[in-house]
Amino acid sequence: MRFGRKGKLSARFIRPYQILKRVGPVAYQLDLPPKLDRIYDMFHVSMLRRYRSDPTHIVPIEEIEVRPDLTFEEEPVQILDRDVKVLRRKSIPLVKVMWQNHRTEEATWELEDSMLQ
């Protein structure tokens, strides 16, 4: 679920939901709670994972404040690492950023210039 974010929101497991029916060879309809009524309930099979009981897979929905247009603001919390990507004719400074509501494993590499703004 990207909620309108530009490609940096990694896929996350929210919690297990019951499959109501198989809609086609690769699509399923899920039984979503009323909190998620603005999200379309049909999902491609690639978006689903078999449920294995593990408490680290659960992300409480209450922590993410979703706007009515299904977008939300991600804020950087901490810079974990710095690196320089060397190309043939130029060097690109990068920083590894830990985002709000994400774990350390979900940190992403961003351009240092864009993080300074």
PDB file of N, CA and C in Angstrom:
ATOM      1  N   MET A   1       0.840  -1.168   0.000  1.00  0.00           N
ATOM      2  CA  MET A   1       0.000   0.000   0.000  1.00  0.00           C
ATOM      3  C   MET A   1       0.884   1.228   0.000  1.00  0.00           C
ATOM      4  N   ARG A   2       0.820   2.017  -1.037  1.00  0.00           N
ATOM      5  CA  ARG A   2       1.703   3.162  -1.138  1.00  0.00           C
ATOM      6  C   ARG A   2       1.058   4.453  -0.654  1.00  0.00           C
ATOM      7  N   PHE A   3      -0.265   4.544  -0.607  1.00  0.00           N
ATOM      8  CA  PHE A   3      -0.959   5.735  -0.117  1.00  0.00           C
ATOM      9  C   PHE A   3      -0.472   7.008  -0.791  1.00  0.00           C
ATOM     10  N   GLY A   4      -0.123   6.959  -2.081  1.00  0.00           N
ATOM     11  CA  GLY A   4       0.290   8.152  -2.789  1.00  0.00           C
ATOM     12  C   GLY A   4       1.736   8.539  -2.588  1.00  0.00           C
ATOM     13  N   ARG A   5       2.510   7.769  -1.865  1.00  0.00           N
ATOM     14  CA  ARG A   5       3.930   8.081  -1.620  1.00  0.00           C
ATOM     15  C   ARG A   5       4.736   7.741  -2.851  1.00  0.00           C
ATOM     16  N   LYS A   6       5.856   8.452  -3.102  1.00  0.00           N
ATOM     17  CA  LYS A   6       6.650   8.284  -4.302  1.00  0.00           C
ATOM     18  C   LYS A   6       7.659   7.136  -4.184  1.00  0.00           C
ATOM     19  N   GLY A   7       7.206   5.916  -4.090  1.00  0.00           N
ATOM     20  CA  GLY A   7       8.071   4.761  -4.239  1.00  0.00           C
ATOM     21  C   GLY A   7       8.998   4.408  -3.098  1.00  0.00           C
ATOM     22  N   LYS A   8       9.055   5.156  -2.005  1.00  0.00           N
ATOM     23  CA  LYS A   8       9.998   4.852  -0.939  1.00  0.00           C
ATOM     24  C   LYS A   8       9.352   4.127   0.223  1.00  0.00           C
ATOM     25  N   LEU A   9       8.067   3.897   0.181  1.00  0.00           N
ATOM     26  CA  LEU A   9       7.407   3.170   1.250  1.00  0.00           C
ATOM     27  C   LEU A   9       7.505   1.686   0.942  1.00  0.00           C
ATOM     28  N   SER A  10       8.242   0.964   1.750  1.00  0.00           N
ATOM     29  CA  SER A  10       8.396  -0.454   1.499  1.00  0.00           C
ATOM     30  C   SER A  10       7.122  -1.196   1.902  1.00  0.00           C
ATOM     31  N   ALA A  11       6.910  -2.333   1.265  1.00  0.00           N
ATOM     32  CA  ALA A  11       5.731  -3.136   1.562  1.00  0.00           C
ATOM     33  C   ALA A  11       5.794  -3.603   3.010  1.00  0.00           C
ATOM     34  N   ARG A  12       4.677  -3.487   3.706  1.00  0.00           N
ATOM     35  CA  ARG A  12       4.629  -3.888   5.107  1.00  0.00           C
ATOM     36  C   ARG A  12       3.394  -4.730   5.334  1.00  0.00           C
ATOM     37  N   PHE A  13       3.512  -5.642   6.295  1.00  0.00           N
ATOM     38  CA  PHE A  13       2.379  -6.464   6.654  1.00  0.00           C
ATOM     39  C   PHE A  13       1.611  -5.763   7.750  1.00  0.00           C
ATOM     40  N   ILE A  14       0.327  -5.546   7.539  1.00  0.00           N
ATOM     41  CA  ILE A  14      -0.467  -4.867   8.553  1.00  0.00           C
ATOM     42  C   ILE A  14      -0.999  -5.899   9.535  1.00  0.00           C
ATOM     43  N   ARG A  15      -1.731  -6.850   9.087  1.00  0.00           N
ATOM     44  CA  ARG A  15      -2.191  -7.978   9.908  1.00  0.00           C
ATOM     45  C   ARG A  15      -2.934  -8.944   9.002  1.00  0.00           C
ATOM     46  N   PRO A  16      -3.223 -10.124   9.482  1.00  0.00           N
ATOM     47  CA  PRO A  16      -3.925 -11.091   8.628  1.00  0.00           C
ATOM     48  C   PRO A  16      -5.405 -10.734   8.496  1.00  0.00           C
ATOM     49  N   TYR A  17      -5.908 -10.888   7.302  1.00  0.00           N
ATOM     50  CA  TYR A  17      -7.326 -10.682   7.034  1.00  0.00           C
ATOM     51  C   TYR A  17      -7.854 -11.898   6.298  1.00  0.00           C
ATOM     52  N   GLN A  18      -9.101 -12.183   6.530  1.00  0.00           N
ATOM     53  CA  GLN A  18      -9.722 -13.358   5.925  1.00  0.00           C
ATOM     54  C   GLN A  18      -9.993 -13.113   4.443  1.00  0.00           C
ATOM     55  N   ILE A  19      -9.752 -14.139   3.632  1.00  0.00           N
ATOM     56  CA  ILE A  19     -10.059 -14.071   2.204  1.00  0.00           C
ATOM     57  C   ILE A  19     -11.523 -14.433   2.026  1.00  0.00           C
ATOM     58  N   LEU A  20     -12.301 -13.515   1.430  1.00  0.00           N
ATOM     59  CA  LEU A  20     -13.719 -13.773   1.211  1.00  0.00           C
ATOM     60  C   LEU A  20     -13.951 -14.664   0.002  1.00  0.00           C
ATOM     61  N   LYS A  21     -13.279 -14.305  -1.115  1.00  0.00           N
ATOM     62  CA  LYS A  21     -13.443 -15.127  -2.312  1.00  0.00           C
ATOM     63  C   LYS A  21     -12.308 -14.867  -3.288  1.00  0.00           C
ATOM     64  N   ARG A  22     -12.131 -15.818  -4.167  1.00  0.00           N
ATOM     65  CA  ARG A  22     -11.170 -15.685  -5.252  1.00  0.00           C
ATOM     66  C   ARG A  22     -11.907 -15.057  -6.427  1.00  0.00           C
ATOM     67  N   VAL A  23     -11.412 -13.930  -6.911  1.00  0.00           N
ATOM     68  CA  VAL A  23     -12.113 -13.167  -7.941  1.00  0.00           C
ATOM     69  C   VAL A  23     -11.677 -13.586  -9.339  1.00  0.00           C
ATOM     70  N   GLY A  24     -10.459 -13.990  -9.495  1.00  0.00           N
ATOM     71  CA  GLY A  24      -9.941 -14.426 -10.781  1.00  0.00           C
ATOM     72  C   GLY A  24      -8.769 -15.347 -10.524  1.00  0.00           C
ATOM     73  N   PRO A  25      -7.989 -15.630 -11.553  1.00  0.00           N
ATOM     74  CA  PRO A  25      -6.843 -16.522 -11.335  1.00  0.00           C
ATOM     75  C   PRO A  25      -5.759 -15.914 -10.448  1.00  0.00           C
ATOM     76  N   VAL A  26      -5.706 -14.578 -10.351  1.00  0.00           N
ATOM     77  CA  VAL A  26      -4.646 -13.940  -9.558  1.00  0.00           C
ATOM     78  C   VAL A  26      -5.155 -12.850  -8.622  1.00  0.00           C
ATOM     79  N   ALA A  27      -6.460 -12.770  -8.344  1.00  0.00           N
ATOM     80  CA  ALA A  27      -7.011 -11.713  -7.492  1.00  0.00           C
ATOM     81  C   ALA A  27      -7.894 -12.306  -6.402  1.00  0.00           C
ATOM     82  N   TYR A  28      -7.827 -11.670  -5.218  1.00  0.00           N
ATOM     83  CA  TYR A  28      -8.609 -12.114  -4.078  1.00  0.00           C
ATOM     84  C   TYR A  28      -9.297 -10.927  -3.431  1.00  0.00           C
ATOM     85  N   GLN A  29     -10.502 -11.179  -2.892  1.00  0.00           N
ATOM     86  CA  GLN A  29     -11.220 -10.155  -2.147  1.00  0.00           C
ATOM     87  C   GLN A  29     -11.037 -10.460  -0.665  1.00  0.00           C
ATOM     88  N   LEU A  30     -10.598  -9.434   0.111  1.00  0.00           N
ATOM     89  CA  LEU A  30     -10.347  -9.613   1.534  1.00  0.00           C
ATOM     90  C   LEU A  30     -11.436  -8.967   2.367  1.00  0.00           C
ATOM     91  N   ASP A  31     -11.611  -9.476   3.567  1.00  0.00           N
ATOM     92  CA  ASP A  31     -12.554  -8.925   4.528  1.00  0.00           C
ATOM     93  C   ASP A  31     -11.808  -7.896   5.375  1.00  0.00           C
ATOM     94  N   LEU A  32     -11.847  -6.617   4.954  1.00  0.00           N
ATOM     95  CA  LEU A  32     -11.143  -5.545   5.652  1.00  0.00           C
ATOM     96  C   LEU A  32     -12.031  -4.933   6.724  1.00  0.00           C
ATOM     97  N   PRO A  33     -11.455  -4.447   7.828  1.00  0.00           N
ATOM     98  CA  PRO A  33     -12.253  -3.823   8.888  1.00  0.00           C
ATOM     99  C   PRO A  33     -12.775  -2.453   8.457  1.00  0.00           C
ATOM    100  N   PRO A  34     -13.729  -1.897   9.185  1.00  0.00           N
ATOM    101  CA  PRO A  34     -14.279  -0.576   8.840  1.00  0.00           C
ATOM    102  C   PRO A  34     -13.236   0.534   8.829  1.00  0.00           C
ATOM    103  N   LYS A  35     -12.150   0.401   9.591  1.00  0.00           N
ATOM    104  CA  LYS A  35     -11.096   1.424   9.583  1.00  0.00           C
ATOM    105  C   LYS A  35     -10.472   1.585   8.208  1.00  0.00           C
ATOM    106  N   LEU A  36     -10.476   0.512   7.435  1.00  0.00           N
ATOM    107  CA  LEU A  36      -9.849   0.524   6.106  1.00  0.00           C
ATOM    108  C   LEU A  36     -10.890   0.546   4.994  1.00  0.00           C
ATOM    109  N   ASP A  37     -12.042   1.149   5.250  1.00  0.00           N
ATOM    110  CA  ASP A  37     -13.111   1.129   4.260  1.00  0.00           C
ATOM    111  C   ASP A  37     -12.804   1.950   3.008  1.00  0.00           C
ATOM    112  N   ARG A  38     -11.826   2.841   3.060  1.00  0.00           N
ATOM    113  CA  ARG A  38     -11.470   3.642   1.884  1.00  0.00           C
ATOM    114  C   ARG A  38     -10.481   2.929   0.968  1.00  0.00           C
ATOM    115  N   ILE A  39      -9.997   1.781   1.384  1.00  0.00           N
ATOM    116  CA  ILE A  39      -9.053   1.009   0.581  1.00  0.00           C
ATOM    117  C   ILE A  39      -9.823  -0.058  -0.181  1.00  0.00           C
ATOM    118  N   TYR A  40      -9.545  -0.174  -1.464  1.00  0.00           N
ATOM    119  CA  TYR A  40     -10.205  -1.167  -2.296  1.00  0.00           C
ATOM    120  C   TYR A  40      -9.857  -2.559  -1.783  1.00  0.00           C
ATOM    121  N   ASP A  41     -10.852  -3.437  -1.682  1.00  0.00           N
ATOM    122  CA  ASP A  41     -10.652  -4.726  -1.022  1.00  0.00           C
ATOM    123  C   ASP A  41     -10.191  -5.858  -1.940  1.00  0.00           C
ATOM    124  N   MET A  42      -9.874  -5.588  -3.200  1.00  0.00           N
ATOM    125  CA  MET A  42      -9.343  -6.600  -4.121  1.00  0.00           C
ATOM    126  C   MET A  42      -7.828  -6.466  -4.179  1.00  0.00           C
ATOM    127  N   PHE A  43      -7.127  -7.590  -4.042  1.00  0.00           N
ATOM    128  CA  PHE A  43      -5.678  -7.579  -4.044  1.00  0.00           C
ATOM    129  C   PHE A  43      -5.128  -8.633  -4.981  1.00  0.00           C
ATOM    130  N   HIS A  44      -4.057  -8.281  -5.676  1.00  0.00           N
ATOM    131  CA  HIS A  44      -3.349  -9.234  -6.525  1.00  0.00           C
ATOM    132  C   HIS A  44      -2.622 -10.219  -5.623  1.00  0.00           C
ATOM    133  N   VAL A  45      -2.450 -11.426  -6.101  1.00  0.00           N
ATOM    134  CA  VAL A  45      -1.829 -12.473  -5.300  1.00  0.00           C
ATOM    135  C   VAL A  45      -0.402 -12.099  -4.878  1.00  0.00           C
ATOM    136  N   SER A  46       0.276 -11.258  -5.653  1.00  0.00           N
ATOM    137  CA  SER A  46       1.637 -10.842  -5.297  1.00  0.00           C
ATOM    138  C   SER A  46       1.664  -9.936  -4.068  1.00  0.00           C
ATOM    139  N   MET A  47       0.533  -9.322  -3.713  1.00  0.00           N
ATOM    140  CA  MET A  47       0.461  -8.452  -2.539  1.00  0.00           C
ATOM    141  C   MET A  47       0.181  -9.235  -1.259  1.00  0.00           C
ATOM    142  N   LEU A  48      -0.165 -10.502  -1.381  1.00  0.00           N
ATOM    143  CA  LEU A  48      -0.550 -11.313  -0.234  1.00  0.00           C
ATOM    144  C   LEU A  48       0.575 -12.262   0.163  1.00  0.00           C
ATOM    145  N   ARG A  49       0.633 -12.571   1.427  1.00  0.00           N
ATOM    146  CA  ARG A  49       1.597 -13.543   1.942  1.00  0.00           C
ATOM    147  C   ARG A  49       0.862 -14.536   2.822  1.00  0.00           C
ATOM    148  N   ARG A  50       1.334 -15.764   2.820  1.00  0.00           N
ATOM    149  CA  ARG A  50       0.763 -16.758   3.715  1.00  0.00           C
ATOM    150  C   ARG A  50       1.054 -16.328   5.143  1.00  0.00           C
ATOM    151  N   TYR A  51       0.060 -16.430   6.003  1.00  0.00           N
ATOM    152  CA  TYR A  51       0.226 -15.978   7.375  1.00  0.00           C
ATOM    153  C   TYR A  51       0.970 -17.024   8.197  1.00  0.00           C
ATOM    154  N   ARG A  52       2.005 -16.576   8.848  1.00  0.00           N
ATOM    155  CA  ARG A  52       2.741 -17.367   9.836  1.00  0.00           C
ATOM    156  C   ARG A  52       2.772 -16.534  11.100  1.00  0.00           C
ATOM    157  N   SER A  53       2.328 -17.082  12.180  1.00  0.00           N
ATOM    158  CA  SER A  53       2.222 -16.342  13.430  1.00  0.00           C
ATOM    159  C   SER A  53       3.586 -15.824  13.866  1.00  0.00           C
ATOM    160  N   ASP A  54       3.747 -14.502  13.815  1.00  0.00           N
ATOM    161  CA  ASP A  54       4.981 -13.859  14.219  1.00  0.00           C
ATOM    162  C   ASP A  54       4.644 -12.427  14.636  1.00  0.00           C
ATOM    163  N   PRO A  55       4.875 -12.059  15.887  1.00  0.00           N
ATOM    164  CA  PRO A  55       4.479 -10.720  16.344  1.00  0.00           C
ATOM    165  C   PRO A  55       5.197  -9.576  15.644  1.00  0.00           C
ATOM    166  N   THR A  56       6.343  -9.819  15.007  1.00  0.00           N
ATOM    167  CA  THR A  56       7.037  -8.726  14.321  1.00  0.00           C
ATOM    168  C   THR A  56       6.350  -8.348  13.016  1.00  0.00           C
ATOM    169  N   HIS A  57       5.458  -9.171  12.496  1.00  0.00           N
ATOM    170  CA  HIS A  57       4.750  -8.864  11.248  1.00  0.00           C
ATOM    171  C   HIS A  57       3.617  -7.876  11.458  1.00  0.00           C
ATOM    172  N   ILE A  58       3.199  -7.682  12.672  1.00  0.00           N
ATOM    173  CA  ILE A  58       2.014  -6.863  12.936  1.00  0.00           C
ATOM    174  C   ILE A  58       2.423  -5.403  13.134  1.00  0.00           C
ATOM    175  N   VAL A  59       1.812  -4.527  12.348  1.00  0.00           N
ATOM    176  CA  VAL A  59       2.008  -3.093  12.489  1.00  0.00           C
ATOM    177  C   VAL A  59       0.669  -2.504  12.887  1.00  0.00           C
ATOM    178  N   PRO A  60       0.556  -1.918  14.071  1.00  0.00           N
ATOM    179  CA  PRO A  60      -0.734  -1.346  14.482  1.00  0.00           C
ATOM    180  C   PRO A  60      -1.169  -0.245  13.526  1.00  0.00           C
ATOM    181  N   ILE A  61      -2.400  -0.305  13.092  1.00  0.00           N
ATOM    182  CA  ILE A  61      -2.929   0.672  12.140  1.00  0.00           C
ATOM    183  C   ILE A  61      -3.019   2.054  12.779  1.00  0.00           C
ATOM    184  N   GLU A  62      -3.225   2.123  14.081  1.00  0.00           N
ATOM    185  CA  GLU A  62      -3.401   3.399  14.764  1.00  0.00           C
ATOM    186  C   GLU A  62      -2.159   4.287  14.678  1.00  0.00           C
ATOM    187  N   GLU A  63      -0.977   3.713  14.501  1.00  0.00           N
ATOM    188  CA  GLU A  63       0.247   4.504  14.465  1.00  0.00           C
ATOM    189  C   GLU A  63       0.365   5.355  13.206  1.00  0.00           C
ATOM    190  N   ILE A  64      -0.241   4.961  12.118  1.00  0.00           N
ATOM    191  CA  ILE A  64      -0.121   5.675  10.858  1.00  0.00           C
ATOM    192  C   ILE A  64      -1.342   6.570  10.676  1.00  0.00           C
ATOM    193  N   GLU A  65      -1.103   7.867  10.601  1.00  0.00           N
ATOM    194  CA  GLU A  65      -2.196   8.804  10.391  1.00  0.00           C
ATOM    195  C   GLU A  65      -2.403   8.977   8.890  1.00  0.00           C
ATOM    196  N   VAL A  66      -3.482   8.421   8.382  1.00  0.00           N
ATOM    197  CA  VAL A  66      -3.785   8.468   6.955  1.00  0.00           C
ATOM    198  C   VAL A  66      -4.794   9.575   6.706  1.00  0.00           C
ATOM    199  N   ARG A  67      -4.477  10.424   5.736  1.00  0.00           N
ATOM    200  CA  ARG A  67      -5.374  11.524   5.367  1.00  0.00           C
ATOM    201  C   ARG A  67      -6.559  10.975   4.571  1.00  0.00           C
ATOM    202  N   PRO A  68      -7.620  11.760   4.403  1.00  0.00           N
ATOM    203  CA  PRO A  68      -8.782  11.284   3.625  1.00  0.00           C
ATOM    204  C   PRO A  68      -8.447  10.917   2.183  1.00  0.00           C
ATOM    205  N   ASP A  69      -7.394  11.516   1.597  1.00  0.00           N
ATOM    206  CA  ASP A  69      -7.023  11.169   0.219  1.00  0.00           C
ATOM    207  C   ASP A  69      -6.028  10.005   0.182  1.00  0.00           C
ATOM    208  N   LEU A  70      -5.930   9.239   1.292  1.00  0.00           N
ATOM    209  CA  LEU A  70      -5.086   8.046   1.416  1.00  0.00           C
ATOM    210  C   LEU A  70      -3.599   8.332   1.256  1.00  0.00           C
ATOM    211  N   THR A  71      -3.145   9.478   1.709  1.00  0.00           N
ATOM    212  CA  THR A  71      -1.722   9.795   1.740  1.00  0.00           C
ATOM    213  C   THR A  71      -1.314  10.036   3.184  1.00  0.00           C
ATOM    214  N   PHE A  72      -0.039   9.957   3.459  1.00  0.00           N
ATOM    215  CA  PHE A  72       0.453  10.292   4.782  1.00  0.00           C
ATOM    216  C   PHE A  72       1.863  10.819   4.660  1.00  0.00           C
ATOM    217  N   GLU A  73       2.286  11.531   5.682  1.00  0.00           N
ATOM    218  CA  GLU A  73       3.589  12.188   5.678  1.00  0.00           C
ATOM    219  C   GLU A  73       4.618  11.295   6.357  1.00  0.00           C
ATOM    220  N   GLU A  74       5.683  10.990   5.649  1.00  0.00           N
ATOM    221  CA  GLU A  74       6.801  10.255   6.226  1.00  0.00           C
ATOM    222  C   GLU A  74       7.858  11.266   6.641  1.00  0.00           C
ATOM    223  N   GLU A  75       8.369  11.122   7.849  1.00  0.00           N
ATOM    224  CA  GLU A  75       9.391  12.037   8.333  1.00  0.00           C
ATOM    225  C   GLU A  75      10.647  11.253   8.676  1.00  0.00           C
ATOM    226  N   PRO A  76      11.815  11.756   8.263  1.00  0.00           N
ATOM    227  CA  PRO A  76      13.058  11.082   8.648  1.00  0.00           C
ATOM    228  C   PRO A  76      13.315  11.269  10.138  1.00  0.00           C
ATOM    229  N   VAL A  77      13.778  10.197  10.781  1.00  0.00           N
ATOM    230  CA  VAL A  77      14.029  10.241  12.221  1.00  0.00           C
ATOM    231  C   VAL A  77      15.514  10.349  12.506  1.00  0.00           C
ATOM    232  N   GLN A  78      16.315   9.581  11.771  1.00  0.00           N
ATOM    233  CA  GLN A  78      17.732   9.502  12.088  1.00  0.00           C
ATOM    234  C   GLN A  78      18.518   9.106  10.845  1.00  0.00           C
ATOM    235  N   ILE A  79      19.734   9.603  10.730  1.00  0.00           N
ATOM    236  CA  ILE A  79      20.656   9.172   9.673  1.00  0.00           C
ATOM    237  C   ILE A  79      21.538   8.082  10.263  1.00  0.00           C
ATOM    238  N   LEU A  80      21.467   6.908   9.668  1.00  0.00           N
ATOM    239  CA  LEU A  80      22.182   5.749  10.201  1.00  0.00           C
ATOM    240  C   LEU A  80      23.579   5.578   9.632  1.00  0.00           C
ATOM    241  N   ASP A  81      23.781   5.988   8.377  1.00  0.00           N
ATOM    242  CA  ASP A  81      25.063   5.731   7.720  1.00  0.00           C
ATOM    243  C   ASP A  81      25.240   6.719   6.572  1.00  0.00           C
ATOM    244  N   ARG A  82      26.475   6.888   6.158  1.00  0.00           N
ATOM    245  CA  ARG A  82      26.794   7.738   5.000  1.00  0.00           C
ATOM    246  C   ARG A  82      27.645   6.927   4.031  1.00  0.00           C
ATOM    247  N   ASP A  83      27.510   7.238   2.746  1.00  0.00           N
ATOM    248  CA  ASP A  83      28.280   6.535   1.722  1.00  0.00           C
ATOM    249  C   ASP A  83      28.389   7.444   0.505  1.00  0.00           C
ATOM    250  N   VAL A  84      29.353   7.156  -0.342  1.00  0.00           N
ATOM    251  CA  VAL A  84      29.517   7.900  -1.586  1.00  0.00           C
ATOM    252  C   VAL A  84      29.518   6.898  -2.729  1.00  0.00           C
ATOM    253  N   LYS A  85      28.555   7.044  -3.632  1.00  0.00           N
ATOM    254  CA  LYS A  85      28.488   6.182  -4.808  1.00  0.00           C
ATOM    255  C   LYS A  85      29.355   6.821  -5.888  1.00  0.00           C
ATOM    256  N   VAL A  86      30.367   6.103  -6.340  1.00  0.00           N
ATOM    257  CA  VAL A  86      31.317   6.637  -7.315  1.00  0.00           C
ATOM    258  C   VAL A  86      30.946   6.115  -8.690  1.00  0.00           C
ATOM    259  N   LEU A  87      30.641   7.057  -9.589  1.00  0.00           N
ATOM    260  CA  LEU A  87      30.393   6.727 -10.986  1.00  0.00           C
ATOM    261  C   LEU A  87      31.651   7.061 -11.775  1.00  0.00           C
ATOM    262  N   ARG A  88      31.593   6.977 -13.088  1.00  0.00           N
ATOM    263  CA  ARG A  88      32.802   7.242 -13.884  1.00  0.00           C
ATOM    264  C   ARG A  88      33.314   8.666 -13.730  1.00  0.00           C
ATOM    265  N   ARG A  89      32.389   9.634 -13.810  1.00  0.00           N
ATOM    266  CA  ARG A  89      32.827  11.032 -13.817  1.00  0.00           C
ATOM    267  C   ARG A  89      32.354  11.837 -12.610  1.00  0.00           C
ATOM    268  N   LYS A  90      31.584  11.233 -11.724  1.00  0.00           N
ATOM    269  CA  LYS A  90      31.109  12.004 -10.580  1.00  0.00           C
ATOM    270  C   LYS A  90      30.867  11.102  -9.378  1.00  0.00           C
ATOM    271  N   SER A  91      30.779  11.735  -8.230  1.00  0.00           N
ATOM    272  CA  SER A  91      30.508  11.039  -6.974  1.00  0.00           C
ATOM    273  C   SER A  91      29.176  11.540  -6.421  1.00  0.00           C
ATOM    274  N   ILE A  92      28.359  10.623  -5.907  1.00  0.00           N
ATOM    275  CA  ILE A  92      27.046  10.973  -5.372  1.00  0.00           C
ATOM    276  C   ILE A  92      27.019  10.641  -3.888  1.00  0.00           C
ATOM    277  N   PRO A  93      26.920  11.665  -3.020  1.00  0.00           N
ATOM    278  CA  PRO A  93      26.840  11.385  -1.575  1.00  0.00           C
ATOM    279  C   PRO A  93      25.453  10.865  -1.199  1.00  0.00           C
ATOM    280  N   LEU A  94      25.413   9.764  -0.436  1.00  0.00           N
ATOM    281  CA  LEU A  94      24.170   9.135  -0.006  1.00  0.00           C
ATOM    282  C   LEU A  94      24.144   9.029   1.514  1.00  0.00           C
ATOM    283  N   VAL A  95      22.942   9.017   2.071  1.00  0.00           N
ATOM    284  CA  VAL A  95      22.762   8.778   3.498  1.00  0.00           C
ATOM    285  C   VAL A  95      21.700   7.705   3.672  1.00  0.00           C
ATOM    286  N   LYS A  96      21.881   6.856   4.680  1.00  0.00           N
ATOM    287  CA  LYS A  96      20.891   5.831   5.009  1.00  0.00           C
ATOM    288  C   LYS A  96      19.975   6.418   6.071  1.00  0.00           C
ATOM    289  N   VAL A  97      18.679   6.539   5.733  1.00  0.00           N
ATOM    290  CA  VAL A  97      17.724   7.243   6.578  1.00  0.00           C
ATOM    291  C   VAL A  97      16.740   6.264   7.212  1.00  0.00           C
ATOM    292  N   MET A  98      16.560   6.411   8.514  1.00  0.00           N
ATOM    293  CA  MET A  98      15.519   5.658   9.211  1.00  0.00           C
ATOM    294  C   MET A  98      14.277   6.538   9.266  1.00  0.00           C
ATOM    295  N   TRP A  99      13.135   6.014   8.816  1.00  0.00           N
ATOM    296  CA  TRP A  99      11.903   6.785   8.711  1.00  0.00           C
ATOM    297  C   TRP A  99      11.011   6.541   9.913  1.00  0.00           C
ATOM    298  N   GLN A 100      10.139   7.493  10.168  1.00  0.00           N
ATOM    299  CA  GLN A 100       9.159   7.383  11.239  1.00  0.00           C
ATOM    300  C   GLN A 100       8.235   6.201  10.946  1.00  0.00           C
ATOM    301  N   ASN A 101       7.849   5.463  11.962  1.00  0.00           N
ATOM    302  CA  ASN A 101       6.970   4.288  11.865  1.00  0.00           C
ATOM    303  C   ASN A 101       7.595   3.131  11.098  1.00  0.00           C
ATOM    304  N   HIS A 102       8.922   3.093  10.972  1.00  0.00           N
ATOM    305  CA  HIS A 102       9.614   1.994  10.302  1.00  0.00           C
ATOM    306  C   HIS A 102      10.684   1.439  11.222  1.00  0.00           C
ATOM    307  N   ARG A 103      11.043   0.196  10.994  1.00  0.00           N
ATOM    308  CA  ARG A 103      12.120  -0.420  11.755  1.00  0.00           C
ATOM    309  C   ARG A 103      13.451  -0.117  11.074  1.00  0.00           C
ATOM    310  N   THR A 104      14.549  -0.453  11.748  1.00  0.00           N
ATOM    311  CA  THR A 104      15.892  -0.189  11.222  1.00  0.00           C
ATOM    312  C   THR A 104      16.137  -0.945   9.925  1.00  0.00           C
ATOM    313  N   GLU A 105      15.590  -2.148   9.799  1.00  0.00           N
ATOM    314  CA  GLU A 105      15.792  -2.938   8.568  1.00  0.00           C
ATOM    315  C   GLU A 105      15.141  -2.282   7.356  1.00  0.00           C
ATOM    316  N   GLU A 106      14.192  -1.402   7.576  1.00  0.00           N
ATOM    317  CA  GLU A 106      13.470  -0.761   6.474  1.00  0.00           C
ATOM    318  C   GLU A 106      14.054   0.603   6.100  1.00  0.00           C
ATOM    319  N   ALA A 107      15.226   0.932   6.609  1.00  0.00           N
ATOM    320  CA  ALA A 107      15.873   2.204   6.273  1.00  0.00           C
ATOM    321  C   ALA A 107      16.245   2.211   4.793  1.00  0.00           C
ATOM    322  N   THR A 108      16.226   3.388   4.180  1.00  0.00           N
ATOM    323  CA  THR A 108      16.498   3.507   2.747  1.00  0.00           C
ATOM    324  C   THR A 108      17.659   4.457   2.496  1.00  0.00           C
ATOM    325  N   TRP A 109      18.337   4.248   1.378  1.00  0.00           N
ATOM    326  CA  TRP A 109      19.413   5.145   0.961  1.00  0.00           C
ATOM    327  C   TRP A 109      18.808   6.281   0.156  1.00  0.00           C
ATOM    328  N   GLU A 110      19.125   7.504   0.559  1.00  0.00           N
ATOM    329  CA  GLU A 110      18.609   8.708  -0.103  1.00  0.00           C
ATOM    330  C   GLU A 110      19.762   9.617  -0.472  1.00  0.00           C
ATOM    331  N   LEU A 111      19.526  10.521  -1.424  1.00  0.00           N
ATOM    332  CA  LEU A 111      20.523  11.518  -1.769  1.00  0.00           C
ATOM    333  C   LEU A 111      20.707  12.474  -0.584  1.00  0.00           C
ATOM    334  N   GLU A 112      21.947  12.769  -0.284  1.00  0.00           N
ATOM    335  CA  GLU A 112      22.225  13.646   0.855  1.00  0.00           C
ATOM    336  C   GLU A 112      21.651  15.035   0.645  1.00  0.00           C
ATOM    337  N   ASP A 113      21.697  15.540  -0.584  1.00  0.00           N
ATOM    338  CA  ASP A 113      21.141  16.870  -0.867  1.00  0.00           C
ATOM    339  C   ASP A 113      19.654  16.939  -0.593  1.00  0.00           C
ATOM    340  N   SER A 114      18.904  15.905  -0.943  1.00  0.00           N
ATOM    341  CA  SER A 114      17.459  15.924  -0.719  1.00  0.00           C
ATOM    342  C   SER A 114      17.109  15.822   0.754  1.00  0.00           C
ATOM    343  N   MET A 115      17.960  15.212   1.559  1.00  0.00           N
ATOM    344  CA  MET A 115      17.694  15.099   2.997  1.00  0.00           C
ATOM    345  C   MET A 115      18.034  16.389   3.738  1.00  0.00           C
ATOM    346  N   LEU A 116      18.924  17.206   3.188  1.00  0.00           N
ATOM    347  CA  LEU A 116      19.278  18.473   3.831  1.00  0.00           C
ATOM    348  C   LEU A 116      18.155  19.495   3.700  1.00  0.00           C
ATOM    349  N   GLN A 117      17.290  19.324   2.715  1.00  0.00           N
ATOM    350  CA  GLN A 117      16.220  20.286   2.493  1.00  0.00           C
ATOM    351  C   GLN A 117      15.132  20.101   3.433  1.00  0.00           C
TER     352      GLN A 117
END
